[in-house]
C-alpha atoms as a PDB file:
ATOM      1  CA  MET A   1     144.877  63.956  94.770  1.00  0.00           C
ATOM      2  CA  PRO A   2     143.858  67.733  94.429  1.00  0.00           C
ATOM      3  CA  GLU A   3     141.696  68.993  97.757  1.00  0.00           C
ATOM      4  CA  ARG A   4     138.828  70.922  97.222  1.00  0.00           C
ATOM      5  CA  THR A   5     138.073  74.218  99.139  1.00  0.00           C
ATOM      6  CA  VAL A   6     134.687  74.430 100.712  1.00  0.00           C
ATOM      7  CA  SER A   7     134.564  77.304 102.846  1.00  0.00           C
ATOM      8  CA  SER A   8     137.367  79.269 104.299  1.00  0.00           C
ATOM      9  CA  ARG A   9     137.550  82.075 107.407  1.00  0.00           C
ATOM     10  CA  VAL A  10     140.260  84.629 108.490  1.00  0.00           C
ATOM     11  CA  ALA A  11     140.898  83.257 112.264  1.00  0.00           C
ATOM     12  CA  PHE A  12     143.120  85.906 113.581  1.00  0.00           C
ATOM     13  CA  THR A  13     144.880  88.829 110.831  1.00  0.00           C
ATOM     14  CA  GLY A  14     148.035  89.928 112.878  1.00  0.00           C
ATOM     15  CA  ARG A  15     151.014  92.913 112.054  1.00  0.00           C
ATOM     16  CA  LEU A  16     152.886  90.551 109.929  1.00  0.00           C
ATOM     17  CA  LEU A  17     150.420  87.385 108.999  1.00  0.00           C
ATOM     18  CA  ALA A  18     147.017  85.576 109.133  1.00  0.00           C
ATOM     19  CA  LEU A  19     145.113  82.681 110.116  1.00  0.00           C
ATOM     20  CA  ARG A  20     142.961  81.326 107.909  1.00  0.00           C
ATOM     21  CA  VAL A  21     141.224  77.933 108.676  1.00  0.00           C
ATOM     22  CA  ASP A  22     139.773  76.112 105.524  1.00  0.00           C
ATOM     23  CA  GLU A  23     137.329  73.208 105.429  1.00  0.00           C
ATOM     24  CA  VAL A  24     138.641  71.452 102.088  1.00  0.00           C
ATOM     25  CA  GLU A  25     136.947  68.322 100.689  1.00  0.00           C
ATOM     26  CA  LEU A  26     139.489  65.235  99.805  1.00  0.00           C
ATOM     27  CA  GLU A  27     139.195  63.439  96.852  1.00  0.00           C
ATOM     28  CA  SER A  28     137.525  60.333  98.621  1.00  0.00           C
ATOM     29  CA  GLY A  29     134.589  62.795  99.249  1.00  0.00           C
ATOM     30  CA  LYS A  30     135.736  63.258 103.376  1.00  0.00           C
ATOM     31  CA  ARG A  31     135.885  66.823 104.642  1.00  0.00           C
ATOM     32  CA  THR A  32     138.469  68.080 107.153  1.00  0.00           C
ATOM     33  CA  THR A  33     139.981  71.441 107.781  1.00  0.00           C
ATOM     34  CA  ARG A  34     143.360  72.660 106.956  1.00  0.00           C
ATOM     35  CA  GLU A  35     144.918  75.705 108.927  1.00  0.00           C
ATOM     36  CA  VAL A  36     146.681  78.022 106.998  1.00  0.00           C
ATOM     37  CA  VAL A  37     149.359  80.952 108.162  1.00  0.00           C
ATOM     38  CA  GLU A  38     149.074  83.360 105.081  1.00  0.00           C
ATOM     39  CA  HIS A  39     152.660  84.643 105.176  1.00  0.00           C
ATOM     40  CA  PRO A  40     153.558  87.907 102.506  1.00  0.00           C
ATOM     41  CA  GLY A  41     156.535  86.043 101.322  1.00  0.00           C
ATOM     42  CA  ALA A  42     160.604  86.755 102.298  1.00  0.00           C
ATOM     43  CA  VAL A  43     163.745  86.298 101.098  1.00  0.00           C
ATOM     44  CA  ALA A  44     167.690  85.581 102.461  1.00  0.00           C
ATOM     45  CA  ILE A  45     170.732  86.500 101.300  1.00  0.00           C
ATOM     46  CA  LEU A  46     174.151  85.387 100.635  1.00  0.00           C
ATOM     47  CA  ALA A  47     176.866  88.094 101.197  1.00  0.00           C
ATOM     48  CA  TRP A  48     180.014  86.619  99.355  1.00  0.00           C
ATOM     49  CA  ASP A  49     183.060  88.714  99.606  1.00  0.00           C
ATOM     50  CA  GLY A  50     184.690  85.638  97.876  1.00  0.00           C
ATOM     51  CA  GLU A  51     186.127  84.287 100.750  1.00  0.00           C
ATOM     52  CA  ARG A  52     183.684  84.891 104.090  1.00  0.00           C
ATOM     53  CA  LEU A  53     179.752  84.576 104.243  1.00  0.00           C
ATOM     54  CA  ALA A  54     178.150  87.366 106.363  1.00  0.00           C
ATOM     55  CA  ALA A  55     175.720  86.360 109.268  1.00  0.00           C
ATOM     56  CA  VAL A  56     173.652  87.448 112.024  1.00  0.00           C
ATOM     57  CA  ARG A  57     173.126  86.167 115.566  1.00  0.00           C
ATOM     58  CA  GLN A  58     169.453  87.006 116.720  1.00  0.00           C
ATOM     59  CA  TRP A  59     166.637  85.813 119.554  1.00  0.00           C
ATOM     60  CA  ARG A  60     163.918  83.769 117.647  1.00  0.00           C
ATOM     61  CA  GLN A  61     160.965  83.937 120.007  1.00  0.00           C
ATOM     62  CA  ALA A  62     159.540  81.000 117.878  1.00  0.00           C
ATOM     63  CA  ALA A  63     162.576  78.875 118.744  1.00  0.00           C
ATOM     64  CA  ALA A  64     163.520  80.347 122.312  1.00  0.00           C
ATOM     65  CA  ALA A  65     166.696  80.259 121.212  1.00  0.00           C
ATOM     66  CA  GLU A  66     169.489  82.740 119.775  1.00  0.00           C
ATOM     67  CA  LEU A  67     169.982  81.558 116.133  1.00  0.00           C
ATOM     68  CA  LEU A  68     173.005  81.861 113.795  1.00  0.00           C
ATOM     69  CA  GLU A  69     171.512  82.848 110.457  1.00  0.00           C
ATOM     70  CA  ILE A  70     171.878  83.977 107.090  1.00  0.00           C
ATOM     71  CA  PRO A  71     170.640  87.631 106.876  1.00  0.00           C
ATOM     72  CA  ALA A  72     166.928  87.450 105.479  1.00  0.00           C
ATOM     73  CA  GLY A  73     163.429  89.796 106.287  1.00  0.00           C
ATOM     74  CA  THR A  74     160.170  89.811 105.322  1.00  0.00           C
ATOM     75  CA  ARG A  75     158.927  91.583 101.593  1.00  0.00           C
ATOM     76  CA  GLU A  76     156.704  94.328 102.536  1.00  0.00           C
ATOM     77  CA  ALA A  77     153.656  94.783 100.245  1.00  0.00           C
ATOM     78  CA  GLY A  78     153.947  95.828  96.749  1.00  0.00           C
ATOM     79  CA  GLU A  79     157.771  95.045  97.749  1.00  0.00           C
ATOM     80  CA  SER A  80     159.752  92.696  94.842  1.00  0.00           C
ATOM     81  CA  PRO A  81     161.981  90.198  95.911  1.00  0.00           C
ATOM     82  CA  LEU A  82     165.277  91.791  95.340  1.00  0.00           C
ATOM     83  CA  VAL A  83     164.580  95.556  96.857  1.00  0.00           C
ATOM     84  CA  THR A  84     163.663  93.292  99.969  1.00  0.00           C
ATOM     85  CA  ALA A  85     166.994  91.562  99.440  1.00  0.00           C
ATOM     86  CA  GLN A  86     168.611  95.091  99.152  1.00  0.00           C
ATOM     87  CA  ARG A  87     167.001  96.472 102.114  1.00  0.00           C
ATOM     88  CA  GLU A  88     167.586  93.531 104.360  1.00  0.00           C
ATOM     89  CA  LEU A  89     171.293  93.448 103.572  1.00  0.00           C
ATOM     90  CA  ALA A  90     171.566  97.191 104.370  1.00  0.00           C
ATOM     91  CA  GLU A  91     169.676  96.987 107.839  1.00  0.00           C
ATOM     92  CA  GLU A  92     171.020  93.592 109.088  1.00  0.00           C
ATOM     93  CA  CYS A  93     175.073  93.599 107.834  1.00  0.00           C
ATOM     94  CA  GLY A  94     175.513  97.383 107.074  1.00  0.00           C
ATOM     95  CA  LEU A  95     176.717  96.112 103.436  1.00  0.00           C
ATOM     96  CA  THR A  96     175.307  96.871 100.003  1.00  0.00           C
ATOM     97  CA  ALA A  97     176.312  94.572  96.642  1.00  0.00           C
ATOM     98  CA  ALA A  98     176.950  95.873  93.429  1.00  0.00           C
ATOM     99  CA  ARG A  99     175.919  92.392  91.751  1.00  0.00           C
ATOM    100  CA  TRP A 100     172.985  90.090  92.584  1.00  0.00           C
ATOM    101  CA  GLU A 101     171.931  86.946  91.541  1.00  0.00           C
ATOM    102  CA  GLU A 102     168.562  85.573  92.355  1.00  0.00           C
ATOM    103  CA  GLY A 103     168.620  81.921  93.562  1.00  0.00           C
ATOM    104  CA  PRO A 104     166.355  79.134  93.943  1.00  0.00           C
ATOM    105  CA  ALA A 105     162.586  80.299  95.801  1.00  0.00           C
ATOM    106  CA  PHE A 106     161.058  77.452  98.494  1.00  0.00           C
ATOM    107  CA  TYR A 107     158.072  77.027 100.686  1.00  0.00           C
ATOM    108  CA  THR A 108     159.492  76.772 103.760  1.00  0.00           C
ATOM    109  CA  ALA A 109     156.668  75.138 105.793  1.00  0.00           C
ATOM    110  CA  PRO A 110     154.172  73.985 103.160  1.00  0.00           C
ATOM    111  CA  GLY A 111     152.273  72.201 105.423  1.00  0.00           C
ATOM    112  CA  PHE A 112     150.746  75.283 107.322  1.00  0.00           C
ATOM    113  CA  SER A 113     152.422  78.470 105.903  1.00  0.00           C
ATOM    114  CA  THR A 114     152.249  80.215 102.305  1.00  0.00           C
ATOM    115  CA  GLU A 115     155.521  81.340 103.270  1.00  0.00           C
ATOM    116  CA  LEU A 116     157.776  81.530  99.584  1.00  0.00           C
ATOM    117  CA  LEU A 117     161.027  82.802 100.311  1.00  0.00           C
ATOM    118  CA  THR A 118     163.732  83.458  97.374  1.00  0.00           C
ATOM    119  CA  LEU A 119     167.471  83.010  97.952  1.00  0.00           C
ATOM    120  CA  PHE A 120     169.785  85.844  96.981  1.00  0.00           C
ATOM    121  CA  LEU A 121     174.137  85.981  96.233  1.00  0.00           C
ATOM    122  CA  ALA A 122     174.841  89.041  96.722  1.00  0.00           C
ATOM    123  CA  THR A 123     178.864  89.945  95.918  1.00  0.00           C
ATOM    124  CA  ASP A 124     181.040  92.809  95.047  1.00  0.00           C
ATOM    125  CA  LEU A 125     180.099  93.924  98.524  1.00  0.00           C
ATOM    126  CA  HIS A 126     180.651  97.707 100.432  1.00  0.00           C
ATOM    127  CA  ALA A 127     179.902  98.968 103.883  1.00  0.00           C
ATOM    128  CA  VAL A 128     177.047 101.582 103.790  1.00  0.00           C
ATOM    129  CA  ASP A 129     175.867 103.263 107.032  1.00  0.00           C
ATOM    130  CA  VAL A 130     172.513 102.320 107.950  1.00  0.00           C
ATOM    131  CA  ALA A 131     171.313 101.604 111.419  1.00  0.00           C
ATOM    132  CA  PRO A 132     169.782  98.154 112.283  1.00  0.00           C
ATOM    133  CA  PRO A 133     165.674  97.854 112.737  1.00  0.00           C
ATOM    134  CA  GLU A 134     164.747  99.300 116.252  1.00  0.00           C
ATOM    135  CA  ASP A 135     162.667  96.379 116.511  1.00  0.00           C
ATOM    136  CA  GLU A 136     165.942  93.473 116.175  1.00  0.00           C
ATOM    137  CA  ALA A 137     168.680  93.152 117.938  1.00  0.00           C
ATOM    138  CA  LEU A 138     171.260  91.692 115.618  1.00  0.00           C
ATOM    139  CA  GLU A 139     174.789  90.461 116.092  1.00  0.00           C
ATOM    140  CA  ARG A 140     176.920  90.308 113.096  1.00  0.00           C
ATOM    141  CA  SER A 141     180.110  88.187 111.648  1.00  0.00           C
ATOM    142  CA  TRP A 142     181.648  86.594 109.113  1.00  0.00           C
ATOM    143  CA  LEU A 143     182.227  82.815 108.697  1.00  0.00           C
ATOM    144  CA  THR A 144     184.201  81.025 105.835  1.00  0.00           C
ATOM    145  CA  LEU A 145     182.026  78.381 104.181  1.00  0.00           C
ATOM    146  CA  ASP A 146     183.937  75.871 105.901  1.00  0.00           C
ATOM    147  CA  ASP A 147     182.941  77.228 109.078  1.00  0.00           C
ATOM    148  CA  ALA A 148     179.406  77.573 108.075  1.00  0.00           C
ATOM    149  CA  LEU A 149     179.325  73.939 106.932  1.00  0.00           C
ATOM    150  CA  THR A 150     180.918  73.053 110.229  1.00  0.00           C
ATOM    151  CA  ALA A 151     178.488  75.041 111.571  1.00  0.00           C
ATOM    152  CA  ILE A 152     175.547  72.986 109.828  1.00  0.00           C
ATOM    153  CA  ASP A 153     177.011  69.840 110.861  1.00  0.00           C
ATOM    154  CA  ASP A 154     177.066  70.951 114.578  1.00  0.00           C
ATOM    155  CA  GLY A 155     173.693  71.891 114.849  1.00  0.00           C
ATOM    156  CA  ARG A 156     174.755  75.826 115.290  1.00  0.00           C
ATOM    157  CA  ILE A 157     173.018  76.657 112.157  1.00  0.00           C
ATOM    158  CA  CYS A 158     169.575  75.063 112.230  1.00  0.00           C
ATOM    159  CA  ASP A 159     167.175  77.615 110.587  1.00  0.00           C
ATOM    160  CA  ALA A 160     166.224  76.179 107.039  1.00  0.00           C
ATOM    161  CA  LYS A 161     166.812  79.282 104.707  1.00  0.00           C
ATOM    162  CA  SER A 162     170.445  79.309 105.915  1.00  0.00           C
ATOM    163  CA  LEU A 163     170.578  75.551 105.189  1.00  0.00           C
ATOM    164  CA  VAL A 164     169.045  75.500 101.629  1.00  0.00           C
ATOM    165  CA  GLY A 165     171.401  78.955 101.342  1.00  0.00           C
ATOM    166  CA  ILE A 166     174.532  77.874 102.757  1.00  0.00           C
ATOM    167  CA  LEU A 167     174.173  74.499 100.704  1.00  0.00           C
ATOM    168  CA  TRP A 168     173.097  76.251  97.531  1.00  0.00           C
ATOM    169  CA  LEU A 169     176.092  78.605  97.476  1.00  0.00           C
ATOM    170  CA  SER A 170     178.287  75.518  98.301  1.00  0.00           C
ATOM    171  CA  ARG A 171     177.337  74.013  95.053  1.00  0.00           C
ATOM    172  CA  LEU A 172     177.552  76.921  93.300  1.00  0.00           C
ATOM    173  CA  LEU A 173     181.172  77.592  94.303  1.00  0.00           C
ATOM    174  CA  SER A 174     181.338  73.940  93.722  1.00  0.00           C
ATOM    175  CA  LEU A 175     180.766  74.233  89.786  1.00  0.00           C
ATOM    176  CA  GLU A 176     182.351  77.443  89.689  1.00  0.00           C
ATOM    177  CA  GLN A 177     185.378  75.368  89.999  1.00  0.00           C
ATOM    178  CA  HIS A 178     185.061  72.665  87.631  1.00  0.00           C
END
């Protein structure tokens, strides 16, 4: 089933990502093109205080909507996922964590993007005085796990990283109770 890349060209390079167009040959010998968004990778954080989950509300231009999400961010060049998670939690939520657990990593949209997102569980939280990024308008909030699951069910939480993260946290907490 593998496809063989015949040629590749970068059609666009931006501040955050690039668009690559690959000509590929299928196993059958047929040739076609694949458009691939090259992304440096990202993290998402489940900042859990034992009763509540930190969340942010922000405008998402691609969705043309204000979304309720778990904090997240894009990895900078040479930055480990953990360092990105620590930076983003401070910037977006004004929090730091004494304990970090790396969770699953997953491709957010493997049909067209290289973005690999790593989840982290952050616990033993403490407030930190860090200004939010100047290019983001965020509203910070807290949700109980039941509230977060209800927000998934009723569509208020509708982005993939938050869905996966909250369901992973729910599973972890359920396993702890058994």
